[in-house]
Protein backbone atom coordinates (compact mmCIF):
# COMPACT_ATOMS: atom_id res chain seq x y z
CA UNK A 1 0.13 0.33 -0.08
CA UNK A 2 2.91 2.54 0.73
CA UNK A 3 4.46 1.68 -2.59
CA UNK A 4 1.24 3.08 -4.35
CA UNK A 5 0.76 6.04 -2.13
CA UNK A 6 4.54 6.90 -2.83
CA UNK A 7 3.35 7.30 -6.66
CA UNK A 8 1.94 10.45 -5.47
CA UNK A 9 5.57 12.01 -5.47
CA UNK A 10 6.88 12.78 -9.11
CA UNK A 11 10.61 11.41 -8.35
CA UNK A 12 8.83 8.10 -7.46
CA UNK A 13 6.69 8.10 -10.62
CA UNK A 14 9.64 9.01 -12.67
CA UNK A 15 11.97 6.35 -11.42
CA UNK A 16 9.26 3.46 -11.31
CA UNK A 17 7.73 4.54 -14.68
CA UNK A 18 4.08 4.27 -12.79
CA UNK A 19 1.50 6.54 -12.15
CA UNK A 20 -1.93 6.39 -9.99
CA UNK A 21 -5.23 6.54 -11.99
CA UNK A 22 -8.01 6.51 -9.51
CA UNK A 23 -11.82 6.76 -9.90
CA UNK A 24 -14.33 4.94 -12.21
CA UNK A 25 -14.34 7.36 -15.03
CA UNK A 26 -10.29 7.65 -15.23
CA UNK A 27 -9.77 3.94 -14.91
CA UNK A 28 -12.58 3.40 -17.47
CA UNK A 29 -10.89 5.76 -20.08
CA UNK A 30 -7.78 4.27 -19.51
CA UNK A 31 -9.08 1.18 -20.15
CA UNK A 32 -10.75 1.99 -23.44
CA UNK A 33 -7.60 3.81 -24.60
CA UNK A 34 -5.58 0.50 -23.94
CA UNK A 35 -3.52 1.97 -21.33
CA UNK A 36 -1.21 -0.58 -19.58
CA UNK A 37 -2.95 -0.83 -16.32
CA UNK A 38 -0.69 -2.88 -14.01
CA UNK A 39 -3.11 -3.53 -11.13
CA UNK A 40 -6.29 -2.52 -9.57
CA UNK A 41 -7.08 -1.94 -5.97
CA UNK A 42 -10.84 -1.80 -5.00
CA UNK A 43 -12.95 -1.45 -2.02
CA UNK A 44 -16.56 -2.78 -2.48
CA UNK A 45 -18.38 -0.85 0.43
CA UNK A 46 -17.29 2.72 -1.41
CA UNK A 47 -18.62 1.56 -4.79
CA UNK A 48 -21.61 4.03 -5.87
CA UNK A 49 -23.16 1.84 -8.24
CA UNK A 50 -22.81 -1.54 -10.31
CA UNK A 51 -20.41 -0.24 -12.70
CA UNK A 52 -17.47 -0.18 -10.21
CA UNK A 53 -17.86 -4.00 -9.81
CA UNK A 54 -18.22 -4.62 -13.69
CA UNK A 55 -14.88 -2.44 -13.94
CA UNK A 56 -13.09 -4.96 -11.81
CA UNK A 57 -14.49 -7.97 -13.36
CA UNK A 58 -13.42 -6.68 -16.83
CA UNK A 59 -10.08 -6.19 -15.50
CA UNK A 60 -9.81 -9.72 -13.90
CA UNK A 61 -10.80 -10.94 -17.46
CA UNK A 62 -8.07 -9.02 -19.02
CA UNK A 63 -5.44 -10.44 -16.72
CA UNK A 64 -4.96 -7.35 -14.39
CA UNK A 65 -4.16 -8.02 -10.88
CA UNK A 66 -7.12 -7.11 -8.91
CA UNK A 67 -6.49 -6.51 -4.68
CA UNK A 68 -9.66 -6.16 -2.68
CA UNK A 69 -8.91 -3.74 0.54
CA UNK A 70 -10.44 -2.28 3.37
CA UNK A 71 -11.94 1.15 3.62
CA UNK A 72 -9.34 2.15 5.87
CA UNK A 73 -6.44 0.91 3.54
CA UNK A 74 -8.03 2.48 0.31
CA UNK A 75 -8.18 5.75 2.13
CA UNK A 76 -4.73 5.73 2.96
CA UNK A 77 -3.86 5.05 -0.62
CA UNK A 78 -6.34 7.47 -1.91
CA UNK A 79 -5.78 11.27 -2.31
CA UNK A 80 -9.26 12.17 -2.68
CA UNK A 81 -11.85 13.41 -0.58
CA UNK A 82 -15.08 11.02 -0.77
CA UNK A 83 -13.15 8.38 -3.05
CA UNK A 84 -15.38 5.82 -4.99
CA UNK A 85 -13.31 2.65 -4.36
CA UNK A 86 -11.15 2.26 -7.44
CA UNK A 87 -7.53 2.99 -7.76
CA UNK A 88 -5.09 1.54 -10.74
CA UNK A 89 -1.48 1.74 -10.88
CA UNK A 90 -0.35 2.19 -14.99
CA UNK A 91 2.55 2.48 -16.89
CA UNK A 92 3.75 5.91 -17.94
CA UNK A 93 4.36 6.34 -21.64
CA UNK A 94 7.02 8.36 -23.63
CA UNK A 95 5.72 12.35 -24.27
CA UNK A 96 7.97 13.11 -27.08
CA UNK A 97 7.37 15.45 -30.12
CA UNK A 98 8.51 12.68 -32.41
CA UNK A 99 5.50 10.43 -31.29
CA UNK A 100 2.92 12.74 -32.52
CA UNK A 101 1.34 12.34 -35.57
CA UNK A 102 -0.22 15.34 -37.45
CA UNK A 103 -2.65 15.84 -40.22
CA UNK A 104 -2.27 18.09 -42.83
CA UNK A 105 -4.14 21.16 -40.94
CA UNK A 106 -3.58 20.45 -37.31
CA UNK A 107 -5.02 22.10 -34.40
CA UNK A 108 -2.38 22.48 -31.54
CA UNK A 109 -2.34 24.04 -27.88
CA UNK A 110 1.03 24.70 -26.43
CA UNK A 111 1.23 25.72 -22.63
CA UNK A 112 4.46 27.03 -21.16
CA UNK A 113 5.48 26.63 -17.49
CA UNK A 114 2.10 25.58 -16.19
CA UNK A 115 2.13 25.28 -12.54
CA UNK A 116 -0.91 23.92 -11.10
CA UNK A 117 -1.93 20.42 -11.80
CA UNK A 118 -5.62 21.18 -11.87
CA UNK A 119 -4.83 23.90 -14.78
CA UNK A 120 -2.84 21.38 -16.91
CA UNK A 121 -5.53 19.11 -16.48
CA UNK A 122 -8.05 21.26 -17.21
CA UNK A 123 -5.99 22.14 -20.34
CA UNK A 124 -6.43 18.68 -21.41
CA UNK A 125 -9.96 18.78 -21.04
CA UNK A 126 -10.34 21.79 -23.08
CA UNK A 127 -8.01 20.39 -25.93
CA UNK A 128 -10.03 17.22 -25.94
CA UNK A 129 -13.45 18.94 -26.53
CA UNK A 130 -12.13 21.33 -29.08
CA UNK A 131 -10.48 18.24 -30.90
CA UNK A 132 -6.61 19.31 -30.73
CA UNK A 133 -4.41 17.13 -32.24
CA UNK A 134 -2.03 17.63 -29.43
CA UNK A 135 -1.03 19.35 -26.48
CA UNK A 136 2.71 20.52 -26.11
CA UNK A 137 3.79 21.30 -22.69
CA UNK A 138 6.73 23.26 -22.31
CA UNK A 139 9.02 23.89 -19.83
CA UNK A 140 7.02 21.93 -17.36
CA UNK A 141 6.32 22.88 -13.75
CA UNK A 142 4.01 19.92 -12.89
CA UNK A 143 4.09 16.49 -14.72
CA UNK A 144 1.76 15.04 -16.98
CA UNK A 145 1.24 12.12 -14.55
CA UNK A 146 0.51 13.93 -11.53
CA UNK A 147 -2.85 12.18 -9.73
CA UNK A 148 -4.08 15.84 -9.76
CA UNK A 149 -3.67 16.15 -13.45
CA UNK A 150 -5.28 12.88 -14.44
CA UNK A 151 -8.19 13.76 -12.23
CA UNK A 152 -8.75 17.15 -13.34
CA UNK A 153 -8.39 15.88 -17.37
CA UNK A 154 -11.54 13.80 -16.41
CA UNK A 155 -9.79 10.88 -18.41
CA UNK A 156 -8.55 13.34 -21.40
CA UNK A 157 -4.65 12.32 -20.48
CA UNK A 158 -5.61 9.21 -21.85
CA UNK A 159 -6.83 10.47 -24.95
CA UNK A 160 -5.12 13.88 -26.10
CA UNK A 161 -1.50 13.13 -27.52
CA UNK A 162 1.02 14.92 -25.10
CA UNK A 163 4.43 16.04 -26.14
CA UNK A 164 6.59 17.30 -23.07
CA UNK A 165 9.67 19.49 -24.35
CA UNK A 166 11.60 22.91 -24.00
CA UNK A 167 10.30 25.84 -25.83
CA UNK A 168 12.99 25.94 -28.07
CA UNK A 169 12.46 22.25 -29.18
CA UNK A 170 9.05 23.17 -29.82
CA UNK A 171 9.86 26.20 -31.63
CA UNK A 172 12.06 24.37 -33.89
CA UNK A 173 9.61 21.23 -34.57
CA UNK A 174 6.68 23.47 -35.33
CA UNK A 175 8.58 25.39 -37.80
CA UNK A 176 9.63 22.58 -39.28
CA UNK A 177 6.29 21.04 -39.79
CA UNK A 178 5.04 24.42 -41.23
CA UNK A 179 2.73 25.47 -38.28
CA UNK A 180 2.24 29.04 -37.51
CA UNK A 181 2.29 30.25 -33.59
CA UNK A 182 -0.05 32.42 -32.41
CA UNK A 183 0.81 33.70 -28.83
CA UNK A 184 -1.77 34.89 -26.74
CA UNK A 185 -0.89 38.17 -24.74
CA UNK A 186 -2.48 41.27 -23.40
CA UNK A 187 -0.06 43.38 -25.18
CA UNK A 188 -1.33 42.32 -28.95
CA UNK A 189 -3.04 44.68 -30.90
CA UNK A 190 -4.83 41.99 -32.67
CA UNK A 191 -7.72 40.34 -30.87
CA UNK A 192 -8.32 36.63 -31.22
CA UNK A 193 -10.84 36.92 -33.49
CA UNK A 194 -9.00 38.73 -36.35
CA UNK A 195 -6.49 36.26 -36.98
CA UNK A 196 -6.81 33.51 -39.56
CA UNK A 197 -7.09 29.82 -37.87
CA UNK A 198 -7.81 27.62 -40.39
CA UNK A 199 -4.56 26.31 -41.55
CA UNK A 200 -1.68 24.66 -39.33
CA UNK A 201 -1.80 26.48 -36.39
CA UNK A 202 -0.77 26.45 -32.71
CA UNK A 203 -2.41 28.60 -29.65
CA UNK A 204 0.21 29.26 -27.29
CA UNK A 205 -0.40 30.21 -23.50
CA UNK A 206 1.58 30.91 -20.57
CA UNK A 207 1.04 30.56 -16.78
CA UNK A 208 -1.42 32.55 -15.31
CA UNK A 209 1.01 34.32 -12.84
CA UNK A 210 3.54 35.32 -15.87
CA UNK A 211 1.98 34.80 -19.05
CA UNK A 212 4.16 33.49 -22.07
CA UNK A 213 8.13 34.12 -21.89
CA UNK A 214 9.80 36.60 -24.17
CA UNK A 215 11.09 33.77 -26.19
CA UNK A 216 7.77 32.90 -27.63
CA UNK A 217 6.53 36.67 -27.56
CA UNK A 218 9.49 37.60 -29.48
CA UNK A 219 9.57 34.22 -31.86
CA UNK A 220 5.74 33.84 -32.50
CA UNK A 221 4.34 34.34 -36.19
CA UNK A 222 1.65 36.30 -34.50
CA UNK A 223 0.36 37.83 -31.07
CA UNK A 224 -3.25 37.76 -30.35
CA UNK A 225 -5.36 39.22 -27.22
CA UNK A 226 -8.47 38.36 -25.39
CA UNK A 227 -10.28 41.92 -24.85
CA UNK A 228 -11.39 42.02 -21.04
CA UNK A 229 -13.77 44.67 -19.71
CA UNK A 230 -13.35 43.93 -16.19
CA UNK A 231 -11.06 44.68 -13.27
CA UNK A 232 -9.23 41.42 -13.33
CA UNK A 233 -6.26 41.50 -15.65
CA UNK A 234 -6.34 37.95 -16.48
CA UNK A 235 -8.34 34.59 -17.24
CA UNK A 236 -7.77 31.30 -15.87
CA UNK A 237 -5.21 29.51 -18.41
CA UNK A 238 -8.12 26.82 -18.96
CA UNK A 239 -10.90 29.44 -19.89
CA UNK A 240 -8.52 31.60 -21.94
CA UNK A 241 -7.57 28.26 -23.98
CA UNK A 242 -11.22 27.59 -24.48
CA UNK A 243 -12.08 30.81 -25.68
CA UNK A 244 -9.07 30.82 -28.32
CA UNK A 245 -9.47 27.40 -29.49
CA UNK A 246 -13.00 27.61 -30.25
CA UNK A 247 -12.72 30.55 -32.16
CA UNK A 248 -10.06 28.31 -34.31
CA UNK A 249 -12.83 25.63 -34.38
CA UNK A 250 -15.37 27.92 -35.44
CA UNK A 251 -13.30 29.37 -38.29
CA UNK A 252 -12.14 25.96 -39.38
CA UNK A 253 -15.93 24.77 -39.61
CA UNK A 254 -17.21 27.74 -41.92
């Protein structure tokens, strides 16, 4: 049990190549996407419906190790308030730019120096909803396999291809692929709806605290802004991503 709980720490995840996927929805989506789930821990008295028991049966049939534990033991492994009695240990996978397969006109989301796991997970959900071909995470502060990223993504971490790299590596790769880069910044003179997003394009967002680095602000093909009328000078990064991504979706469906 302690070995599972230690996977909440990034060094342990990286050393063992394993991560935690907790919850019925997350585990179900991991299995749907053929993620290599190594073992399942379950507590029947915490189940909230028949679907949980059905998932355990499917895992057993697939040859996955399934361990029944008591409430106290499960709560020690779980990192959630009100857990639903299901937790899996799965293998991590390589998150390189070379693994990404792009169409002729990809829509990409690039996130630089995102600090909070909840924000990174929400960006994955947004990218999934908008039909992004990939999320490129530059200069990561938190890792993609953080349990809170998995939870906040609601399983989108298993469906959206992700690459993790430096900003320089991402810029060079996108240039080779012919992808235009659009950097979001309040200082831009163009609004996000004034820029053509119908071709191969990547929308770039930085952290809520600092925004994009000078590397992107100086090197992007264009800069775009999201006009704001209130007292706040910034949006939640996932909200900003949704605004610019769905404008791109609107243009591309026209």
